[in-house]
């Protein structure tokens, strides 16, 4: 799955909601550490707009 983000803020904002393990981690950081992480991510991601690709694997079993 490819997701295009028009701005860095479009990509970052979901992490601030505390959803999923990654969001819970970001939400649990002290404000200064959250800001540092945000700026590090901004430095490492390409200039917007950019595309993030992901895959999700699911398995379900029954006994």
N, C-alpha and C. Protein backbone atom coordinates (compact mmCIF):
# COMPACT_ATOMS: atom_id res chain seq x y z
N UNK A 1 0.84 -1.16 0.00
CA UNK A 1 0.00 0.00 0.00
C UNK A 1 0.89 1.23 0.00
N UNK A 2 0.60 2.15 -0.87
CA UNK A 2 1.33 3.42 -0.93
C UNK A 2 0.41 4.54 -0.44
N UNK A 3 0.95 5.38 0.42
CA UNK A 3 0.19 6.52 0.92
C UNK A 3 0.99 7.78 0.64
N UNK A 4 0.38 8.70 -0.09
CA UNK A 4 1.05 9.97 -0.37
C UNK A 4 0.68 10.99 0.71
N UNK A 5 1.69 11.68 1.18
CA UNK A 5 1.50 12.73 2.18
C UNK A 5 1.85 14.06 1.54
N UNK A 6 0.89 14.96 1.53
CA UNK A 6 1.10 16.27 0.90
C UNK A 6 2.05 17.14 1.71
N UNK A 7 2.05 16.95 3.03
CA UNK A 7 2.92 17.73 3.90
C UNK A 7 3.51 16.83 4.98
N UNK A 8 4.55 17.30 5.61
CA UNK A 8 5.11 16.55 6.73
C UNK A 8 4.07 16.43 7.85
N UNK A 9 3.32 17.49 8.09
CA UNK A 9 2.31 17.48 9.15
C UNK A 9 1.25 16.40 8.91
N UNK A 10 0.89 16.16 7.64
CA UNK A 10 -0.06 15.08 7.33
C UNK A 10 0.49 13.73 7.78
N UNK A 11 1.78 13.55 7.64
CA UNK A 11 2.41 12.29 8.05
C UNK A 11 2.54 12.22 9.57
N UNK A 12 2.94 13.31 10.22
CA UNK A 12 3.25 13.32 11.64
C UNK A 12 2.01 13.27 12.53
N UNK A 13 0.96 13.97 12.17
CA UNK A 13 -0.20 14.15 13.04
C UNK A 13 -0.79 12.85 13.59
N UNK A 14 -0.94 11.78 12.81
CA UNK A 14 -1.49 10.55 13.39
C UNK A 14 -0.66 9.98 14.55
N UNK A 15 0.64 10.21 14.54
CA UNK A 15 1.48 9.72 15.64
C UNK A 15 1.16 10.42 16.95
N UNK A 16 0.63 11.63 16.88
CA UNK A 16 0.34 12.40 18.09
C UNK A 16 -0.96 11.99 18.76
N UNK A 17 -1.73 11.12 18.11
CA UNK A 17 -3.04 10.72 18.65
C UNK A 17 -2.95 9.56 19.63
N UNK A 18 -1.78 8.95 19.74
CA UNK A 18 -1.61 7.85 20.69
C UNK A 18 -2.19 6.53 20.23
N UNK A 19 -2.46 6.40 18.93
CA UNK A 19 -3.05 5.18 18.39
C UNK A 19 -1.95 4.24 17.92
N UNK A 20 -2.09 2.97 18.22
CA UNK A 20 -1.13 1.93 17.86
C UNK A 20 0.14 2.08 18.69
N UNK A 21 1.01 1.09 18.66
CA UNK A 21 2.24 1.18 19.46
C UNK A 21 3.09 2.41 19.14
N UNK A 22 3.20 2.75 17.87
CA UNK A 22 4.02 3.91 17.52
C UNK A 22 3.43 5.20 18.07
N UNK A 23 2.13 5.36 17.97
CA UNK A 23 1.48 6.55 18.51
C UNK A 23 1.54 6.61 20.02
N UNK A 24 1.39 5.45 20.67
CA UNK A 24 1.50 5.41 22.13
C UNK A 24 2.89 5.82 22.57
N UNK A 25 3.89 5.39 21.81
CA UNK A 25 5.27 5.77 22.14
C UNK A 25 5.45 7.28 22.02
N UNK A 26 5.02 7.84 20.90
CA UNK A 26 5.17 9.29 20.69
C UNK A 26 4.40 10.07 21.74
N UNK A 27 3.17 9.67 22.01
CA UNK A 27 2.35 10.37 22.99
C UNK A 27 2.94 10.29 24.40
N UNK A 28 3.69 9.22 24.68
CA UNK A 28 4.28 9.05 26.00
C UNK A 28 5.59 9.78 26.21
N UNK A 29 6.12 10.38 25.16
CA UNK A 29 7.39 11.10 25.30
C UNK A 29 7.19 12.44 25.99
N UNK A 30 8.21 12.88 26.70
CA UNK A 30 8.21 14.23 27.25
C UNK A 30 8.18 15.21 26.08
N UNK A 31 7.59 16.39 26.26
CA UNK A 31 7.46 17.33 25.14
C UNK A 31 8.76 17.64 24.40
N UNK A 32 9.86 17.80 25.12
CA UNK A 32 11.12 18.11 24.44
C UNK A 32 11.62 16.93 23.61
N UNK A 33 11.41 15.72 24.10
CA UNK A 33 11.82 14.53 23.34
C UNK A 33 10.91 14.32 22.13
N UNK A 34 9.62 14.61 22.28
CA UNK A 34 8.68 14.51 21.16
C UNK A 34 9.08 15.50 20.06
N UNK A 35 9.44 16.70 20.47
CA UNK A 35 9.88 17.71 19.49
C UNK A 35 11.15 17.27 18.79
N UNK A 36 12.09 16.71 19.55
CA UNK A 36 13.34 16.23 18.95
C UNK A 36 13.07 15.11 17.95
N UNK A 37 12.19 14.18 18.30
CA UNK A 37 11.84 13.09 17.38
C UNK A 37 11.18 13.65 16.13
N UNK A 38 10.27 14.59 16.31
CA UNK A 38 9.58 15.20 15.17
C UNK A 38 10.58 15.83 14.21
N UNK A 39 11.53 16.57 14.75
CA UNK A 39 12.51 17.24 13.89
C UNK A 39 13.46 16.25 13.23
N UNK A 40 13.81 15.18 13.93
CA UNK A 40 14.65 14.14 13.32
C UNK A 40 13.91 13.48 12.16
N UNK A 41 12.64 13.18 12.35
CA UNK A 41 11.84 12.60 11.27
C UNK A 41 11.75 13.57 10.10
N UNK A 42 11.54 14.84 10.39
CA UNK A 42 11.45 15.84 9.32
C UNK A 42 12.75 15.88 8.50
N UNK A 43 13.89 15.77 9.18
CA UNK A 43 15.18 15.78 8.49
C UNK A 43 15.37 14.55 7.61
N UNK A 44 14.87 13.40 8.07
CA UNK A 44 15.14 12.15 7.36
C UNK A 44 14.16 11.83 6.24
N UNK A 45 12.98 12.40 6.30
CA UNK A 45 12.00 12.15 5.24
C UNK A 45 12.28 13.07 4.06
N UNK A 46 11.88 12.64 2.86
CA UNK A 46 12.08 13.52 1.70
C UNK A 46 11.16 14.74 1.77
N UNK A 47 11.45 15.70 0.94
CA UNK A 47 10.60 16.89 0.86
C UNK A 47 9.21 16.48 0.40
N UNK A 48 8.17 17.08 0.98
CA UNK A 48 6.81 16.76 0.55
C UNK A 48 6.53 17.31 -0.85
N UNK A 49 5.61 16.70 -1.55
CA UNK A 49 4.88 15.51 -1.15
C UNK A 49 5.76 14.27 -1.26
N UNK A 50 5.51 13.29 -0.41
CA UNK A 50 6.26 12.04 -0.45
C UNK A 50 5.32 10.87 -0.24
N UNK A 51 5.77 9.70 -0.67
CA UNK A 51 4.98 8.48 -0.58
C UNK A 51 5.63 7.54 0.42
N UNK A 52 4.82 6.97 1.30
CA UNK A 52 5.27 5.95 2.24
C UNK A 52 4.61 4.65 1.82
N UNK A 53 5.42 3.61 1.66
CA UNK A 53 4.91 2.29 1.28
C UNK A 53 4.91 1.39 2.51
N UNK A 54 3.88 0.56 2.60
CA UNK A 54 3.78 -0.35 3.74
C UNK A 54 3.09 -1.64 3.32
N UNK A 55 3.38 -2.68 4.07
CA UNK A 55 2.70 -3.97 3.89
C UNK A 55 2.22 -4.43 5.25
N UNK A 56 1.09 -5.07 5.26
CA UNK A 56 0.56 -5.65 6.49
C UNK A 56 0.26 -7.11 6.23
N UNK A 57 0.72 -7.96 7.11
CA UNK A 57 0.48 -9.39 6.99
C UNK A 57 -0.44 -9.81 8.12
N UNK A 58 -1.42 -10.60 7.79
CA UNK A 58 -2.38 -11.06 8.79
C UNK A 58 -2.54 -12.56 8.65
N UNK A 59 -2.62 -13.22 9.78
CA UNK A 59 -2.90 -14.65 9.79
C UNK A 59 -3.97 -14.93 10.82
N UNK A 60 -4.82 -15.83 10.50
CA UNK A 60 -5.88 -16.20 11.43
C UNK A 60 -5.99 -17.71 11.42
N UNK A 61 -6.07 -18.27 12.58
CA UNK A 61 -6.16 -19.72 12.66
C UNK A 61 -7.31 -20.15 13.55
N UNK A 62 -7.68 -21.36 13.40
CA UNK A 62 -8.73 -21.93 14.24
C UNK A 62 -8.26 -23.30 14.71
N UNK A 63 -8.56 -23.59 15.93
CA UNK A 63 -8.15 -24.88 16.48
C UNK A 63 -9.30 -25.86 16.43
